[in-house]
Amino acid sequence: MTNSTKLNLVGKILATLVIAIAPWMVSIAADSAPAKADPAWLTDARASIKSNNYEQALKQLQSANEVNSADWNNLMGYSLRKKQPPDLVLSEKYYQAALKIDPSHRSALEYYGELLLMKKDLPGAEAMLARLDRACLFGCEEYSDLKASIAKYQGKK
C-alpha cells in the first residue's frame, strides 16, 4: 500500500467517523442545560469593583448576604482590601472563608497571597502561589499575577 493510498484511507475513515458522530453531538448540545448566568449581586458587585467603587461593592455584597458563596466571600475580602483605608483583618477572614468553601478558588488564592504580601508574610504568599500552581494545571492569569507580585515584593527588600 502506498503512502497516498494510506492517507486516502485514513481520510475516508475520519470523514465516516465525523458523519457518524455529528448527529449524536447535536443531540448532546440540544439536551445540555443552558449556561447559568451569574446572579445580579455578583454582576453588580463586579461592576462596582471594576470602577474602583469598593464602598458600593461592599453595600451590594452585604445586601446579597451570600455567606455560603466562595465568590461572595472573595469579593468581600477584595473590596475590604482595596478600599481606603483597607481593612486587612476583616479581608483576611473573608478570603479564608472563600477558601474553606472552595480550596481551589483561584481569585481568592491570588488575592489572599497579595494580602499576605501587604502583611509582609512572604512565606504565606508563596504558599498561596504553590496552591495556585496546583489549581492551574496549565498555568493561569491568577498564578502569573501573584508570581509577579511576589517578584516585585522581593525586589523591594
Protein backbone atom coordinates (compact mmCIF):
# COMPACT_ATOMS: atom_id res chain seq x y z
CA MET A 1 0.00 0.00 0.00
CA THR A 2 1.48 3.36 -0.99
CA ASN A 3 1.60 6.42 1.26
CA SER A 4 -1.04 8.24 -0.79
CA THR A 5 -3.36 5.21 -0.57
CA LYS A 6 -2.86 5.10 3.22
CA LEU A 7 -3.62 8.82 3.54
CA ASN A 8 -6.71 8.45 1.37
CA LEU A 9 -7.93 5.55 3.54
CA VAL A 10 -7.29 7.49 6.77
CA GLY A 11 -9.17 10.49 5.34
CA LYS A 12 -12.15 8.32 4.45
CA ILE A 13 -12.19 6.75 7.93
CA LEU A 14 -12.07 10.16 9.61
CA ALA A 15 -14.85 11.51 7.38
CA THR A 16 -17.00 8.48 8.19
CA LEU A 17 -16.43 8.95 11.93
CA VAL A 18 -17.32 12.64 11.76
CA ILE A 19 -20.52 11.88 9.84
CA ALA A 20 -21.43 9.12 12.28
CA ILE A 21 -20.79 11.23 15.40
CA ALA A 22 -22.24 14.57 14.22
CA PRO A 23 -25.94 13.79 14.92
CA TRP A 24 -25.03 12.49 18.37
CA MET A 25 -23.08 15.70 19.19
CA VAL A 26 -26.02 17.87 18.08
CA SER A 27 -28.27 15.80 20.36
CA ILE A 28 -25.95 16.37 23.32
CA ALA A 29 -25.82 20.12 22.64
CA ALA A 30 -29.62 20.30 22.39
CA ASP A 31 -30.06 18.38 25.66
CA SER A 32 -27.45 20.41 27.57
CA ALA A 33 -28.62 22.84 30.17
CA PRO A 34 -28.05 26.44 29.12
CA ALA A 35 -25.10 28.19 30.73
CA LYS A 36 -26.10 29.55 34.10
CA ALA A 37 -25.89 33.33 34.24
CA ASP A 38 -24.19 34.98 37.20
CA PRO A 39 -26.61 36.28 39.83
CA ALA A 40 -27.34 40.01 39.75
CA TRP A 41 -25.48 40.67 43.02
CA LEU A 42 -22.30 39.18 41.54
CA THR A 43 -22.58 41.12 38.28
CA ASP A 44 -23.35 44.38 40.14
CA ALA A 45 -20.51 43.95 42.65
CA ARG A 46 -18.01 43.16 39.90
CA ALA A 47 -19.09 46.30 38.01
CA SER A 48 -18.60 48.43 41.13
CA ILE A 49 -15.19 46.87 41.75
CA LYS A 50 -14.18 47.42 38.13
CA SER A 51 -14.97 51.13 38.58
CA ASN A 52 -12.96 51.15 41.86
CA ASN A 53 -16.11 51.85 43.89
CA TYR A 54 -15.32 49.46 46.72
CA GLU A 55 -17.74 51.01 49.23
CA GLN A 56 -20.62 50.50 46.80
CA ALA A 57 -19.47 46.92 46.12
CA LEU A 58 -19.44 46.24 49.86
CA LYS A 59 -23.01 47.55 50.19
CA GLN A 60 -24.17 45.41 47.26
CA LEU A 61 -22.46 42.33 48.67
CA GLN A 62 -23.76 42.92 52.20
CA SER A 63 -27.27 43.32 50.80
CA ALA A 64 -26.96 39.96 48.98
CA ASN A 65 -25.51 38.28 52.10
CA GLU A 66 -24.47 35.12 50.20
CA VAL A 67 -22.20 33.89 53.01
CA ASN A 68 -22.04 30.35 51.63
CA SER A 69 -20.63 31.52 48.28
CA ALA A 70 -16.88 31.43 47.68
CA ASP A 71 -17.29 34.24 45.10
CA TRP A 72 -19.19 36.39 47.60
CA ASN A 73 -16.55 35.91 50.31
CA ASN A 74 -13.75 36.52 47.84
CA LEU A 75 -15.27 39.81 46.62
CA MET A 76 -15.94 40.91 50.21
CA GLY A 77 -12.27 40.28 51.00
CA TYR A 78 -11.12 42.03 47.84
CA SER A 79 -13.30 45.11 48.41
CA LEU A 80 -12.20 45.39 52.04
CA ARG A 81 -8.54 45.11 51.00
CA LYS A 82 -8.82 47.68 48.20
CA LYS A 83 -10.97 50.33 49.92
CA GLN A 84 -9.34 53.27 51.64
CA PRO A 85 -8.34 52.69 54.31
CA PRO A 86 -8.11 48.94 53.81
CA ASP A 87 -9.38 46.54 56.47
CA LEU A 88 -6.82 43.75 56.20
CA VAL A 89 -8.01 41.83 59.26
CA LEU A 90 -11.58 41.51 58.02
CA SER A 91 -10.42 40.99 54.44
CA GLU A 92 -8.33 38.01 55.55
CA LYS A 93 -11.32 36.43 57.29
CA TYR A 94 -13.34 36.61 54.06
CA TYR A 95 -10.54 35.16 51.96
CA GLN A 96 -10.18 32.31 54.45
CA ALA A 97 -13.95 31.72 54.30
CA ALA A 98 -13.85 31.64 50.48
CA LEU A 99 -11.03 29.11 50.56
CA LYS A 100 -12.82 26.99 53.15
CA ILE A 101 -15.80 26.78 50.77
CA ASP A 102 -13.64 26.26 47.66
CA PRO A 103 -9.97 25.46 48.46
CA SER A 104 -9.01 25.90 44.78
CA HIS A 105 -10.75 29.26 44.22
CA ARG A 106 -8.14 30.87 42.00
CA SER A 107 -9.05 34.51 42.63
CA ALA A 108 -9.18 34.00 46.40
CA LEU A 109 -5.77 32.30 46.32
CA GLU A 110 -4.27 35.17 44.32
CA TYR A 111 -5.84 37.96 46.36
CA TYR A 112 -5.10 36.30 49.69
CA GLY A 113 -1.48 35.97 48.56
CA GLU A 114 -1.42 39.69 47.78
CA LEU A 115 -2.89 40.46 51.20
CA LEU A 116 -0.19 38.33 52.82
CA LEU A 117 2.45 40.37 50.98
CA MET A 118 0.83 43.54 52.35
CA LYS A 119 1.30 41.97 55.80
CA LYS A 120 4.94 41.20 54.93
CA ASP A 121 4.26 37.44 55.04
CA LEU A 122 6.32 36.23 52.08
CA PRO A 123 6.18 32.52 53.08
CA GLY A 124 2.38 32.73 53.30
CA ALA A 125 2.16 34.36 49.85
CA GLU A 126 4.47 31.69 48.43
CA ALA A 127 2.19 29.02 49.93
CA MET A 128 -0.77 30.60 48.08
CA LEU A 129 1.32 30.59 44.89
CA ALA A 130 2.04 26.87 45.37
CA ARG A 131 -1.69 26.20 45.82
CA LEU A 132 -2.41 28.23 42.67
CA ASP A 133 0.17 26.18 40.80
CA ARG A 134 -1.79 23.05 41.71
CA ALA A 135 -5.16 24.68 40.91
CA CYS A 136 -4.00 25.92 37.49
CA LEU A 137 -2.94 22.78 35.66
CA PHE A 138 -1.63 24.60 32.60
CA GLY A 139 -0.96 28.00 34.16
CA CYS A 140 -3.46 30.81 34.64
CA GLU A 141 -3.61 34.56 34.97
CA GLU A 142 -4.02 34.41 38.76
CA TYR A 143 -0.80 32.40 39.10
CA SER A 144 1.12 34.77 36.81
CA ASP A 145 -0.21 37.83 38.65
CA LEU A 146 0.68 36.54 42.13
CA LYS A 147 4.09 35.38 40.92
CA ALA A 148 4.75 38.89 39.56
CA SER A 149 3.57 40.47 42.84
CA ILE A 150 5.94 38.22 44.81
CA ALA A 151 8.84 39.09 42.49
CA LYS A 152 8.05 42.80 42.89
CA TYR A 153 7.89 42.40 46.67
CA GLN A 154 11.23 40.58 46.73
CA GLY A 155 12.77 43.33 44.58
CA LYS A 156 11.81 45.95 47.17
CA LYS A 157 13.53 44.09 50.02
